[in-house]
N, C-alpha and C. Protein backbone atom coordinates (compact mmCIF):
# COMPACT_ATOMS: atom_id res chain seq x y z
N MET A 1 -39.12 36.56 -10.61
CA MET A 1 -38.76 35.96 -9.33
C MET A 1 -37.28 36.18 -9.05
N THR A 2 -36.93 36.30 -7.78
CA THR A 2 -35.55 36.53 -7.40
C THR A 2 -34.74 35.25 -7.49
N ILE A 3 -33.55 35.36 -8.02
CA ILE A 3 -32.62 34.23 -8.08
C ILE A 3 -32.21 33.85 -6.66
N THR A 4 -32.14 32.57 -6.39
CA THR A 4 -31.68 32.07 -5.09
C THR A 4 -30.53 31.10 -5.31
N ILE A 5 -29.44 31.33 -4.61
CA ILE A 5 -28.32 30.39 -4.65
C ILE A 5 -28.11 29.82 -3.25
N THR A 6 -27.42 28.70 -3.18
CA THR A 6 -27.08 28.14 -1.88
C THR A 6 -25.59 28.33 -1.62
N ALA A 7 -25.26 28.41 -0.34
CA ALA A 7 -23.87 28.56 0.09
C ALA A 7 -23.71 27.86 1.43
N PHE A 8 -22.45 27.61 1.80
CA PHE A 8 -22.17 27.00 3.09
C PHE A 8 -22.68 27.88 4.22
N GLU A 9 -23.32 27.26 5.19
CA GLU A 9 -23.67 27.96 6.42
C GLU A 9 -22.41 28.44 7.12
N ARG A 10 -21.37 27.63 7.05
CA ARG A 10 -20.06 28.00 7.59
C ARG A 10 -19.02 27.42 6.64
N SER A 11 -18.36 28.28 5.87
CA SER A 11 -17.45 27.81 4.83
C SER A 11 -16.16 27.25 5.42
N PRO A 12 -15.66 26.15 4.88
CA PRO A 12 -14.41 25.57 5.38
C PRO A 12 -13.23 26.54 5.29
N ASP A 13 -13.29 27.49 4.36
CA ASP A 13 -12.17 28.42 4.20
C ASP A 13 -12.34 29.68 5.07
N GLY A 14 -13.41 29.73 5.84
CA GLY A 14 -13.62 30.88 6.71
C GLY A 14 -14.02 32.15 5.99
N GLY A 15 -14.48 32.02 4.74
CA GLY A 15 -14.92 33.19 3.99
C GLY A 15 -13.85 33.86 3.16
N LYS A 16 -12.81 33.10 2.77
CA LYS A 16 -11.72 33.68 1.99
C LYS A 16 -11.98 33.68 0.49
N GLY A 17 -13.18 33.31 0.08
CA GLY A 17 -13.53 33.37 -1.34
C GLY A 17 -13.21 32.13 -2.13
N LEU A 18 -12.79 31.05 -1.46
CA LEU A 18 -12.42 29.84 -2.18
C LEU A 18 -13.61 28.91 -2.41
N ALA A 19 -14.67 29.06 -1.62
CA ALA A 19 -15.87 28.25 -1.84
C ALA A 19 -16.48 28.62 -3.19
N ARG A 20 -17.06 27.64 -3.86
CA ARG A 20 -17.48 27.85 -5.23
C ARG A 20 -18.68 28.78 -5.39
N ASP A 21 -19.42 29.04 -4.32
CA ASP A 21 -20.51 30.01 -4.48
C ASP A 21 -19.97 31.40 -4.82
N THR A 22 -18.70 31.66 -4.49
CA THR A 22 -18.12 32.97 -4.82
C THR A 22 -18.12 33.21 -6.32
N ARG A 23 -17.86 32.16 -7.11
CA ARG A 23 -17.88 32.31 -8.57
C ARG A 23 -19.25 32.75 -9.07
N VAL A 24 -20.27 32.13 -8.51
CA VAL A 24 -21.63 32.46 -8.94
C VAL A 24 -22.01 33.86 -8.45
N ARG A 25 -21.66 34.18 -7.23
CA ARG A 25 -21.91 35.55 -6.74
C ARG A 25 -21.24 36.57 -7.65
N TRP A 26 -19.99 36.29 -8.03
CA TRP A 26 -19.24 37.21 -8.90
C TRP A 26 -19.96 37.40 -10.23
N ALA A 27 -20.41 36.31 -10.83
CA ALA A 27 -21.12 36.40 -12.11
C ALA A 27 -22.42 37.19 -11.95
N LEU A 28 -23.12 36.98 -10.86
CA LEU A 28 -24.35 37.74 -10.62
C LEU A 28 -24.06 39.22 -10.46
N GLU A 29 -22.96 39.54 -9.77
CA GLU A 29 -22.59 40.95 -9.61
C GLU A 29 -22.16 41.57 -10.93
N GLU A 30 -21.41 40.83 -11.74
CA GLU A 30 -20.95 41.36 -13.03
C GLU A 30 -22.13 41.64 -13.96
N THR A 31 -23.17 40.82 -13.87
CA THR A 31 -24.33 40.99 -14.75
C THR A 31 -25.44 41.81 -14.11
N GLY A 32 -25.23 42.25 -12.89
CA GLY A 32 -26.19 43.14 -12.24
C GLY A 32 -27.49 42.47 -11.83
N GLN A 33 -27.43 41.18 -11.46
CA GLN A 33 -28.64 40.46 -11.09
C GLN A 33 -28.78 40.36 -9.57
N PRO A 34 -29.91 40.78 -9.02
CA PRO A 34 -30.14 40.62 -7.58
C PRO A 34 -30.34 39.14 -7.26
N TYR A 35 -29.98 38.77 -6.06
CA TYR A 35 -30.12 37.36 -5.68
C TYR A 35 -30.24 37.22 -4.17
N ASP A 36 -30.84 36.12 -3.77
CA ASP A 36 -30.90 35.74 -2.37
C ASP A 36 -29.98 34.54 -2.16
N VAL A 37 -29.58 34.35 -0.91
CA VAL A 37 -28.72 33.22 -0.56
C VAL A 37 -29.41 32.38 0.50
N ARG A 38 -29.50 31.09 0.25
CA ARG A 38 -30.00 30.15 1.25
C ARG A 38 -28.81 29.38 1.80
N LEU A 39 -28.54 29.55 3.08
CA LEU A 39 -27.39 28.90 3.71
C LEU A 39 -27.74 27.47 4.10
N VAL A 40 -26.83 26.56 3.84
CA VAL A 40 -27.08 25.15 4.16
C VAL A 40 -25.92 24.59 4.99
N SER A 41 -26.26 23.75 5.92
CA SER A 41 -25.25 23.07 6.73
C SER A 41 -24.74 21.86 5.97
N PHE A 42 -23.66 21.26 6.46
CA PHE A 42 -23.14 20.05 5.81
C PHE A 42 -24.16 18.91 5.89
N GLN A 43 -24.90 18.87 6.98
CA GLN A 43 -25.93 17.85 7.11
C GLN A 43 -27.06 18.09 6.11
N ALA A 44 -27.50 19.34 5.99
CA ALA A 44 -28.60 19.66 5.07
C ALA A 44 -28.24 19.38 3.62
N MET A 45 -26.96 19.49 3.29
CA MET A 45 -26.53 19.24 1.92
C MET A 45 -26.76 17.79 1.49
N LYS A 46 -26.87 16.89 2.44
CA LYS A 46 -27.05 15.47 2.14
C LYS A 46 -28.50 15.02 2.30
N GLU A 47 -29.39 15.95 2.60
CA GLU A 47 -30.79 15.61 2.80
C GLU A 47 -31.59 15.75 1.50
N PRO A 48 -32.74 15.06 1.41
CA PRO A 48 -33.49 15.00 0.15
C PRO A 48 -33.82 16.34 -0.48
N ALA A 49 -34.16 17.34 0.32
CA ALA A 49 -34.55 18.64 -0.23
C ALA A 49 -33.42 19.24 -1.06
N HIS A 50 -32.20 19.16 -0.55
CA HIS A 50 -31.05 19.72 -1.28
C HIS A 50 -30.64 18.80 -2.43
N LEU A 51 -30.72 17.50 -2.21
CA LEU A 51 -30.31 16.55 -3.25
C LEU A 51 -31.22 16.61 -4.48
N ARG A 52 -32.43 17.09 -4.30
CA ARG A 52 -33.32 17.26 -5.46
C ARG A 52 -32.78 18.31 -6.42
N VAL A 53 -32.03 19.28 -5.88
CA VAL A 53 -31.45 20.33 -6.73
C VAL A 53 -30.02 19.98 -7.12
N HIS A 54 -29.26 19.49 -6.16
CA HIS A 54 -27.88 19.08 -6.45
C HIS A 54 -27.72 17.61 -6.08
N PRO A 55 -27.76 16.72 -7.07
CA PRO A 55 -27.76 15.28 -6.78
C PRO A 55 -26.50 14.77 -6.09
N PHE A 56 -25.42 15.58 -6.09
CA PHE A 56 -24.18 15.16 -5.45
C PHE A 56 -23.98 15.80 -4.08
N GLY A 57 -24.98 16.54 -3.63
CA GLY A 57 -24.94 17.07 -2.28
C GLY A 57 -23.87 18.11 -2.04
N GLN A 58 -23.70 19.03 -2.99
CA GLN A 58 -22.69 20.07 -2.85
C GLN A 58 -23.33 21.45 -3.01
N ILE A 59 -22.50 22.47 -2.93
CA ILE A 59 -22.95 23.83 -3.21
C ILE A 59 -22.03 24.40 -4.29
N PRO A 60 -22.48 25.43 -5.01
CA PRO A 60 -23.77 26.10 -4.90
C PRO A 60 -24.82 25.46 -5.80
N THR A 61 -26.06 25.83 -5.54
CA THR A 61 -27.13 25.57 -6.48
C THR A 61 -27.69 26.92 -6.91
N PHE A 62 -28.48 26.89 -7.97
CA PHE A 62 -29.03 28.11 -8.56
C PHE A 62 -30.48 27.83 -8.90
N GLU A 63 -31.37 28.67 -8.40
CA GLU A 63 -32.79 28.51 -8.71
C GLU A 63 -33.36 29.86 -9.16
N ASP A 64 -34.07 29.81 -10.27
CA ASP A 64 -34.69 31.01 -10.83
C ASP A 64 -36.02 30.58 -11.42
N GLY A 65 -37.08 30.77 -10.66
CA GLY A 65 -38.38 30.28 -11.10
C GLY A 65 -38.38 28.77 -11.18
N ASP A 66 -38.73 28.24 -12.35
CA ASP A 66 -38.78 26.79 -12.54
C ASP A 66 -37.42 26.19 -12.87
N LEU A 67 -36.42 27.02 -13.05
CA LEU A 67 -35.10 26.52 -13.43
C LEU A 67 -34.23 26.28 -12.20
N ALA A 68 -33.67 25.08 -12.11
CA ALA A 68 -32.74 24.75 -11.03
C ALA A 68 -31.47 24.18 -11.67
N LEU A 69 -30.32 24.75 -11.30
CA LEU A 69 -29.05 24.34 -11.86
C LEU A 69 -28.05 24.02 -10.75
N PHE A 70 -27.06 23.20 -11.08
CA PHE A 70 -25.91 22.99 -10.23
C PHE A 70 -24.69 22.97 -11.14
N GLU A 71 -23.50 22.97 -10.54
CA GLU A 71 -22.21 23.08 -11.23
C GLU A 71 -21.94 24.54 -11.61
N THR A 72 -20.86 25.09 -11.09
CA THR A 72 -20.58 26.51 -11.29
C THR A 72 -20.38 26.88 -12.76
N GLY A 73 -19.73 26.00 -13.52
CA GLY A 73 -19.54 26.31 -14.93
C GLY A 73 -20.86 26.48 -15.64
N SER A 74 -21.80 25.59 -15.37
CA SER A 74 -23.12 25.66 -15.98
C SER A 74 -23.87 26.92 -15.55
N ILE A 75 -23.80 27.23 -14.26
CA ILE A 75 -24.51 28.40 -13.76
C ILE A 75 -23.95 29.69 -14.36
N VAL A 76 -22.63 29.82 -14.36
CA VAL A 76 -22.00 31.03 -14.90
C VAL A 76 -22.28 31.14 -16.40
N PHE A 77 -22.23 30.03 -17.11
CA PHE A 77 -22.54 30.02 -18.54
C PHE A 77 -23.98 30.48 -18.78
N HIS A 78 -24.91 29.98 -17.99
CA HIS A 78 -26.31 30.39 -18.12
C HIS A 78 -26.46 31.90 -17.91
N LEU A 79 -25.84 32.42 -16.85
CA LEU A 79 -25.93 33.85 -16.57
C LEU A 79 -25.31 34.66 -17.70
N ALA A 80 -24.17 34.19 -18.21
CA ALA A 80 -23.48 34.91 -19.28
C ALA A 80 -24.30 34.94 -20.56
N GLU A 81 -25.04 33.88 -20.82
CA GLU A 81 -25.88 33.83 -22.02
C GLU A 81 -27.13 34.69 -21.87
N GLN A 82 -27.65 34.78 -20.66
CA GLN A 82 -28.91 35.48 -20.45
C GLN A 82 -28.76 36.98 -20.22
N HIS A 83 -27.58 37.40 -19.79
CA HIS A 83 -27.40 38.79 -19.41
C HIS A 83 -26.08 39.34 -19.97
N ALA A 84 -26.08 40.60 -20.32
CA ALA A 84 -24.88 41.23 -20.87
C ALA A 84 -23.82 41.38 -19.80
N GLY A 85 -22.55 41.36 -20.25
CA GLY A 85 -21.45 41.65 -19.34
C GLY A 85 -20.39 40.59 -19.24
N LEU A 86 -20.69 39.35 -19.68
CA LEU A 86 -19.71 38.29 -19.51
C LEU A 86 -19.34 37.56 -20.79
N LEU A 87 -20.02 37.82 -21.88
CA LEU A 87 -19.68 37.21 -23.16
C LEU A 87 -19.66 38.27 -24.25
N PRO A 88 -18.66 38.23 -25.15
CA PRO A 88 -18.59 39.21 -26.23
C PRO A 88 -19.75 39.05 -27.21
N ALA A 89 -20.04 40.11 -27.94
CA ALA A 89 -21.09 40.05 -28.97
C ALA A 89 -20.61 39.30 -30.20
N ASP A 90 -19.33 39.45 -30.55
CA ASP A 90 -18.77 38.77 -31.72
C ASP A 90 -18.82 37.26 -31.51
N ALA A 91 -19.31 36.53 -32.50
CA ALA A 91 -19.52 35.08 -32.36
C ALA A 91 -18.23 34.33 -32.09
N ASN A 92 -17.17 34.67 -32.80
CA ASN A 92 -15.90 33.95 -32.59
C ASN A 92 -15.30 34.25 -31.22
N ALA A 93 -15.34 35.51 -30.81
CA ALA A 93 -14.83 35.89 -29.50
C ALA A 93 -15.66 35.22 -28.40
N ARG A 94 -16.95 35.12 -28.64
CA ARG A 94 -17.84 34.45 -27.69
C ARG A 94 -17.45 32.98 -27.53
N ALA A 95 -17.21 32.33 -28.66
CA ALA A 95 -16.82 30.92 -28.62
C ALA A 95 -15.49 30.74 -27.89
N ARG A 96 -14.56 31.67 -28.09
CA ARG A 96 -13.27 31.56 -27.40
C ARG A 96 -13.43 31.76 -25.90
N ALA A 97 -14.31 32.69 -25.50
CA ALA A 97 -14.55 32.92 -24.07
C ALA A 97 -15.12 31.66 -23.41
N ILE A 98 -16.03 31.01 -24.12
CA ILE A 98 -16.62 29.77 -23.60
C ILE A 98 -15.55 28.69 -23.50
N THR A 99 -14.67 28.64 -24.49
CA THR A 99 -13.57 27.67 -24.45
C THR A 99 -12.71 27.86 -23.21
N TRP A 100 -12.43 29.11 -22.86
CA TRP A 100 -11.63 29.37 -21.66
C TRP A 100 -12.37 28.98 -20.39
N MET A 101 -13.69 29.07 -20.40
CA MET A 101 -14.46 28.58 -19.25
C MET A 101 -14.23 27.09 -19.06
N PHE A 102 -14.30 26.34 -20.17
CA PHE A 102 -14.08 24.90 -20.11
C PHE A 102 -12.63 24.60 -19.71
N ALA A 103 -11.69 25.37 -20.22
CA ALA A 103 -10.29 25.15 -19.88
C ALA A 103 -10.05 25.33 -18.38
N ALA A 104 -10.73 26.31 -17.80
CA ALA A 104 -10.55 26.56 -16.36
C ALA A 104 -10.97 25.35 -15.53
N VAL A 105 -12.15 24.79 -15.83
CA VAL A 105 -12.67 23.71 -14.98
C VAL A 105 -12.20 22.32 -15.42
N ASN A 106 -11.81 22.17 -16.69
CA ASN A 106 -11.42 20.84 -17.18
C ASN A 106 -9.92 20.61 -17.24
N THR A 107 -9.13 21.68 -17.40
CA THR A 107 -7.69 21.53 -17.57
C THR A 107 -6.91 22.07 -16.37
N ILE A 108 -7.28 23.24 -15.88
CA ILE A 108 -6.51 23.86 -14.79
C ILE A 108 -6.96 23.37 -13.42
N GLU A 109 -8.26 23.26 -13.20
CA GLU A 109 -8.74 22.94 -11.86
C GLU A 109 -8.46 21.50 -11.40
N PRO A 110 -8.56 20.47 -12.25
CA PRO A 110 -8.39 19.10 -11.74
C PRO A 110 -7.10 18.85 -10.96
N PRO A 111 -5.91 19.24 -11.45
CA PRO A 111 -4.72 18.99 -10.63
C PRO A 111 -4.68 19.83 -9.36
N ILE A 112 -5.32 21.00 -9.37
CA ILE A 112 -5.39 21.82 -8.16
C ILE A 112 -6.23 21.11 -7.10
N LEU A 113 -7.34 20.52 -7.52
CA LEU A 113 -8.16 19.76 -6.59
C LEU A 113 -7.41 18.52 -6.10
N GLU A 114 -6.65 17.93 -7.00
CA GLU A 114 -5.86 16.75 -6.63
C GLU A 114 -4.85 17.10 -5.53
N LEU A 115 -4.31 18.30 -5.60
CA LEU A 115 -3.36 18.74 -4.58
C LEU A 115 -4.05 18.85 -3.22
N SER A 116 -5.26 19.39 -3.20
CA SER A 116 -6.00 19.50 -1.94
C SER A 116 -6.28 18.12 -1.36
N ILE A 117 -6.65 17.20 -2.22
CA ILE A 117 -6.92 15.83 -1.77
C ILE A 117 -5.65 15.20 -1.22
N ALA A 118 -4.54 15.37 -1.95
CA ALA A 118 -3.26 14.79 -1.54
C ALA A 118 -2.82 15.33 -0.18
N LYS A 119 -3.10 16.60 0.08
CA LYS A 119 -2.66 17.21 1.33
C LYS A 119 -3.58 16.88 2.50
N PHE A 120 -4.88 17.05 2.29
CA PHE A 120 -5.79 17.05 3.42
C PHE A 120 -6.57 15.75 3.61
N GLN A 121 -6.74 14.98 2.56
CA GLN A 121 -7.49 13.74 2.70
C GLN A 121 -6.58 12.51 2.65
N GLU A 122 -5.43 12.65 2.03
CA GLU A 122 -4.54 11.51 1.88
C GLU A 122 -3.16 11.76 2.49
N GLY A 123 -3.05 12.87 3.23
CA GLY A 123 -1.75 13.25 3.78
C GLY A 123 -1.15 12.25 4.74
N ASP A 124 -1.99 11.39 5.32
CA ASP A 124 -1.49 10.41 6.28
C ASP A 124 -1.16 9.07 5.64
N LYS A 125 -1.32 8.98 4.33
CA LYS A 125 -1.03 7.72 3.64
C LYS A 125 0.48 7.55 3.46
N PRO A 126 0.96 6.32 3.44
CA PRO A 126 2.41 6.09 3.34
C PRO A 126 3.02 6.60 2.04
N TRP A 127 2.19 6.71 1.00
CA TRP A 127 2.71 7.14 -0.29
C TRP A 127 2.51 8.64 -0.54
N ALA A 128 1.92 9.35 0.43
CA ALA A 128 1.60 10.76 0.23
C ALA A 128 2.84 11.62 -0.01
N LYS A 129 3.91 11.32 0.71
CA LYS A 129 5.13 12.13 0.58
C LYS A 129 5.70 12.07 -0.83
N ASP A 130 5.59 10.91 -1.47
CA ASP A 130 6.10 10.76 -2.83
C ASP A 130 5.14 11.33 -3.87
N ARG A 131 3.86 11.28 -3.57
CA ARG A 131 2.86 11.73 -4.54
C ARG A 131 2.77 13.24 -4.64
N LEU A 132 2.92 13.93 -3.50
CA LEU A 132 2.72 15.37 -3.47
C LEU A 132 3.58 16.13 -4.49
N PRO A 133 4.89 15.86 -4.59
CA PRO A 133 5.69 16.59 -5.59
C PRO A 133 5.24 16.33 -7.02
N LEU A 134 4.72 15.14 -7.29
CA LEU A 134 4.24 14.83 -8.64
C LEU A 134 3.02 15.67 -8.99
N VAL A 135 2.13 15.81 -8.03
CA VAL A 135 0.94 16.63 -8.25
C VAL A 135 1.33 18.10 -8.43
N GLN A 136 2.25 18.58 -7.60
CA GLN A 136 2.70 19.97 -7.71
C GLN A 136 3.32 20.24 -9.08
N ASP A 137 4.08 19.28 -9.58
CA ASP A 137 4.70 19.47 -10.89
C ASP A 137 3.66 19.49 -12.01
N ARG A 138 2.58 18.71 -11.85
CA ARG A 138 1.51 18.75 -12.86
C ARG A 138 0.85 20.12 -12.87
N ILE A 139 0.67 20.69 -11.69
CA ILE A 139 0.10 22.04 -11.62
C ILE A 139 1.04 23.04 -12.26
N ARG A 140 2.32 22.96 -11.94
CA ARG A 140 3.30 23.89 -12.51
C ARG A 140 3.29 23.84 -14.05
N GLU A 141 3.16 22.65 -14.60
CA GLU A 141 3.15 22.53 -16.05
C GLU A 141 1.93 23.22 -16.65
N ARG A 142 0.79 23.05 -16.01
CA ARG A 142 -0.42 23.73 -16.48
C ARG A 142 -0.27 25.25 -16.37
N LEU A 143 0.25 25.70 -15.23
CA LEU A 143 0.40 27.14 -15.01
C LEU A 143 1.44 27.74 -15.95
N ARG A 144 2.49 26.98 -16.23
CA ARG A 144 3.52 27.48 -17.16
C ARG A 144 2.92 27.75 -18.53
N ARG A 145 2.10 26.82 -19.01
CA ARG A 145 1.49 26.99 -20.32
C ARG A 145 0.46 28.11 -20.33
N LEU A 146 -0.30 28.22 -19.25
CA LEU A 146 -1.29 29.30 -19.16
C LEU A 146 -0.60 30.65 -19.11
N SER A 147 0.47 30.74 -18.34
CA SER A 147 1.22 31.99 -18.23
C SER A 147 1.79 32.41 -19.58
N ALA A 148 2.32 31.43 -20.31
CA ALA A 148 2.88 31.73 -21.64
C ALA A 148 1.80 32.24 -22.58
N ARG A 149 0.63 31.66 -22.50
CA ARG A 149 -0.47 32.08 -23.37
C ARG A 149 -0.97 33.48 -23.00
N LEU A 150 -1.08 33.77 -21.71
CA LEU A 150 -1.54 35.09 -21.29
C LEU A 150 -0.53 36.16 -21.67
N GLY A 151 0.75 35.88 -21.46
CA GLY A 151 1.79 36.84 -21.81
C GLY A 151 1.59 38.17 -21.10
N GLU A 152 1.66 39.24 -21.89
CA GLU A 152 1.50 40.58 -21.34
C GLU A 152 0.06 41.09 -21.42
N SER A 153 -0.85 40.24 -21.85
CA SER A 153 -2.25 40.66 -22.01
C SER A 153 -2.92 40.85 -20.65
N GLU A 154 -3.90 41.72 -20.62
CA GLU A 154 -4.63 41.96 -19.38
C GLU A 154 -5.56 40.79 -19.08
N TRP A 155 -6.25 40.30 -20.12
CA TRP A 155 -7.18 39.20 -19.97
C TRP A 155 -6.87 38.14 -21.02
N LEU A 156 -7.54 37.01 -20.96
CA LEU A 156 -7.20 35.87 -21.80
C LEU A 156 -7.46 36.10 -23.28
N ASP A 157 -8.51 36.87 -23.60
CA ASP A 157 -8.85 37.07 -25.01
C ASP A 157 -9.58 38.39 -25.17
N GLY A 158 -8.83 39.46 -25.21
CA GLY A 158 -9.47 40.77 -25.33
C GLY A 158 -10.02 41.25 -24.01
N ALA A 159 -11.31 41.63 -24.02
CA ALA A 159 -11.94 42.16 -22.81
C ALA A 159 -12.23 41.06 -21.81
N PHE A 160 -12.42 41.45 -20.56
CA PHE A 160 -12.80 40.52 -19.50
C PHE A 160 -14.06 39.76 -19.89
N SER A 161 -14.08 38.46 -19.60
CA SER A 161 -15.23 37.63 -19.96
C SER A 161 -15.47 36.57 -18.90
N ALA A 162 -16.49 35.76 -19.14
CA ALA A 162 -16.76 34.63 -18.25
C ALA A 162 -15.58 33.67 -18.20
N GLY A 163 -14.80 33.61 -19.27
CA GLY A 163 -13.60 32.78 -19.25
C GLY A 163 -12.61 33.24 -18.20
N ASP A 164 -12.43 34.55 -18.09
CA ASP A 164 -11.54 35.10 -17.06
C ASP A 164 -12.12 34.90 -15.67
N LEU A 165 -13.41 35.08 -15.54
CA LEU A 165 -14.05 34.91 -14.24
C LEU A 165 -13.80 33.50 -13.71
N MET A 166 -14.01 32.51 -14.57
CA MET A 166 -13.80 31.13 -14.14
C MET A 166 -12.33 30.83 -13.90
N MET A 167 -11.46 31.35 -14.76
CA MET A 167 -10.03 31.06 -14.62
C MET A 167 -9.46 31.69 -13.35
N VAL A 168 -9.79 32.93 -13.09
CA VAL A 168 -9.31 33.58 -11.87
C VAL A 168 -9.83 32.84 -10.64
N SER A 169 -11.10 32.44 -10.67
CA SER A 169 -11.68 31.72 -9.54
C SER A 169 -10.94 30.42 -9.26
N VAL A 170 -10.55 29.72 -10.33
CA VAL A 170 -9.81 28.47 -10.18
C VAL A 170 -8.40 28.75 -9.64
N LEU A 171 -7.74 29.75 -10.19
CA LEU A 171 -6.37 30.06 -9.76
C LEU A 171 -6.32 30.50 -8.30
N LEU A 172 -7.37 31.12 -7.82
CA LEU A 172 -7.41 31.51 -6.41
C LEU A 172 -7.26 30.30 -5.50
N ARG A 173 -7.70 29.15 -5.97
CA ARG A 173 -7.66 27.95 -5.14
C ARG A 173 -6.25 27.39 -5.00
N VAL A 174 -5.35 27.76 -5.92
CA VAL A 174 -3.97 27.26 -5.82
C VAL A 174 -3.07 28.24 -5.07
N ARG A 175 -3.52 29.46 -4.86
CA ARG A 175 -2.67 30.47 -4.23
C ARG A 175 -2.19 30.08 -2.84
N PRO A 176 -3.03 29.48 -1.97
CA PRO A 176 -2.53 29.11 -0.64
C PRO A 176 -1.34 28.15 -0.67
N SER A 177 -1.16 27.41 -1.75
CA SER A 177 -0.04 26.46 -1.84
C SER A 177 1.29 27.16 -2.11
N GLY A 178 1.23 28.42 -2.57
CA GLY A 178 2.44 29.15 -2.93
C GLY A 178 2.85 28.96 -4.37
N LEU A 179 2.21 28.04 -5.09
CA LEU A 179 2.60 27.77 -6.47
C LEU A 179 2.29 28.94 -7.39
N LEU A 180 1.22 29.67 -7.11
CA LEU A 180 0.86 30.80 -7.97
C LEU A 180 1.96 31.85 -7.96
N ASP A 181 2.63 32.03 -6.82
CA ASP A 181 3.68 33.04 -6.70
C ASP A 181 4.88 32.74 -7.60
N GLU A 182 4.99 31.50 -8.06
CA GLU A 182 6.07 31.15 -8.97
C GLU A 182 5.83 31.69 -10.38
N PHE A 183 4.63 32.22 -10.61
CA PHE A 183 4.26 32.71 -11.94
C PHE A 183 3.72 34.14 -11.80
N PRO A 184 4.61 35.13 -11.75
CA PRO A 184 4.18 36.51 -11.51
C PRO A 184 3.12 37.01 -12.49
N THR A 185 3.19 36.56 -13.73
CA THR A 185 2.19 36.98 -14.72
C THR A 185 0.80 36.55 -14.30
N LEU A 186 0.68 35.32 -13.80
CA LEU A 186 -0.62 34.82 -13.37
C LEU A 186 -1.04 35.44 -12.05
N ALA A 187 -0.08 35.68 -11.15
CA ALA A 187 -0.41 36.33 -9.88
C ALA A 187 -1.00 37.72 -10.14
N ALA A 188 -0.42 38.44 -11.10
CA ALA A 188 -0.93 39.77 -11.44
C ALA A 188 -2.31 39.68 -12.10
N TYR A 189 -2.49 38.66 -12.91
CA TYR A 189 -3.78 38.41 -13.56
C TYR A 189 -4.87 38.18 -12.52
N VAL A 190 -4.59 37.35 -11.53
CA VAL A 190 -5.54 37.09 -10.46
C VAL A 190 -5.83 38.38 -9.68
N ALA A 191 -4.80 39.16 -9.42
CA ALA A 191 -5.00 40.42 -8.70
C ALA A 191 -5.92 41.37 -9.47
N ARG A 192 -5.80 41.38 -10.80
CA ARG A 192 -6.70 42.21 -11.60
C ARG A 192 -8.14 41.74 -11.46
N GLY A 193 -8.33 40.43 -11.43
CA GLY A 193 -9.68 39.91 -11.23
C GLY A 193 -10.23 40.31 -9.88
N GLU A 194 -9.42 40.18 -8.84
CA GLU A 194 -9.86 40.53 -7.50
C GLU A 194 -10.16 42.02 -7.36
N ALA A 195 -9.52 42.84 -8.18
CA ALA A 195 -9.72 44.29 -8.08
C ALA A 195 -11.04 44.75 -8.71
N ARG A 196 -11.68 43.89 -9.47
CA ARG A 196 -12.94 44.28 -10.10
C ARG A 196 -14.00 44.52 -9.02
N PRO A 197 -14.74 45.62 -9.13
CA PRO A 197 -15.76 45.92 -8.11
C PRO A 197 -16.76 44.79 -7.91
N ALA A 198 -17.12 44.10 -8.98
CA ALA A 198 -18.09 43.01 -8.85
C ALA A 198 -17.51 41.88 -8.01
N TYR A 199 -16.23 41.58 -8.19
CA TYR A 199 -15.60 40.54 -7.37
C TYR A 199 -15.56 40.99 -5.91
N GLN A 200 -15.21 42.22 -5.68
CA GLN A 200 -15.11 42.71 -4.30
C GLN A 200 -16.45 42.63 -3.59
N ARG A 201 -17.53 42.94 -4.31
CA ARG A 201 -18.86 42.82 -3.70
C ARG A 201 -19.18 41.36 -3.37
N ALA A 202 -18.85 40.46 -4.31
CA ALA A 202 -19.11 39.04 -4.10
C ALA A 202 -18.31 38.52 -2.91
N PHE A 203 -17.03 38.90 -2.85
CA PHE A 203 -16.16 38.45 -1.76
C PHE A 203 -16.67 38.97 -0.42
N ALA A 204 -17.04 40.23 -0.39
CA ALA A 204 -17.51 40.83 0.87
C ALA A 204 -18.78 40.14 1.36
N ALA A 205 -19.66 39.79 0.44
CA ALA A 205 -20.91 39.13 0.83
C ALA A 205 -20.64 37.76 1.42
N GLN A 206 -19.70 37.03 0.81
CA GLN A 206 -19.36 35.70 1.30
C GLN A 206 -18.64 35.77 2.65
N LEU A 207 -17.75 36.73 2.78
CA LEU A 207 -17.01 36.91 4.01
C LEU A 207 -17.92 37.30 5.17
N ALA A 208 -18.91 38.15 4.89
CA ALA A 208 -19.81 38.63 5.93
C ALA A 208 -20.55 37.49 6.61
N ILE A 209 -20.91 36.47 5.85
CA ILE A 209 -21.61 35.32 6.42
C ILE A 209 -20.73 34.62 7.45
N ASN A 210 -19.47 34.44 7.10
CA ASN A 210 -18.56 33.69 7.95
C ASN A 210 -18.01 34.51 9.11
N ALA A 211 -18.05 35.83 8.96
CA ALA A 211 -17.55 36.70 10.02
C ALA A 211 -18.64 37.02 11.05
N ALA A 212 -19.88 36.68 10.70
CA ALA A 212 -21.01 37.02 11.60
C ALA A 212 -20.89 36.26 12.91
């Protein structure tokens, strides 16, 4: 059966690749898996049919036969385990790649999401002006440590892996703030991820929906 994922009918970012379905599309392209996309509106995301697959009413979801998944980390991990191309064969290298997947969503992404909330959902609060620099500094500290660890390496741990896919996807979300530009090593790392043919196919597919 063909894999089916869900995506925004109209993405808030206008198709710039920041919506989380792009991560799943990228993983599907890297592993060479065909897939269909079911577009959902914001209203449909809160209706029972969608909530049966994603209990929190978000996107993307992933369905393959009897298997239904949500959360991008889980979906990408599943694809990486089932298909070649995203996890090393060596057991230790595989474990490290998985660790970087968790680091992307558990360590790097939370303060980036906090920045979006501080700007767009809480920007009118009386304390927002004081809070914003604190959040930005937390992001800088995370990026400083990540940049130091990456150093001159092309990828986080040897060859490109699911860890890099998730990390680049997360870092793309901080780029509009300008903070990524403060770390040229990471900016170049993200550019390498974007240059991968599989990413370009995923980005183009997501953009086409929003440009239609």
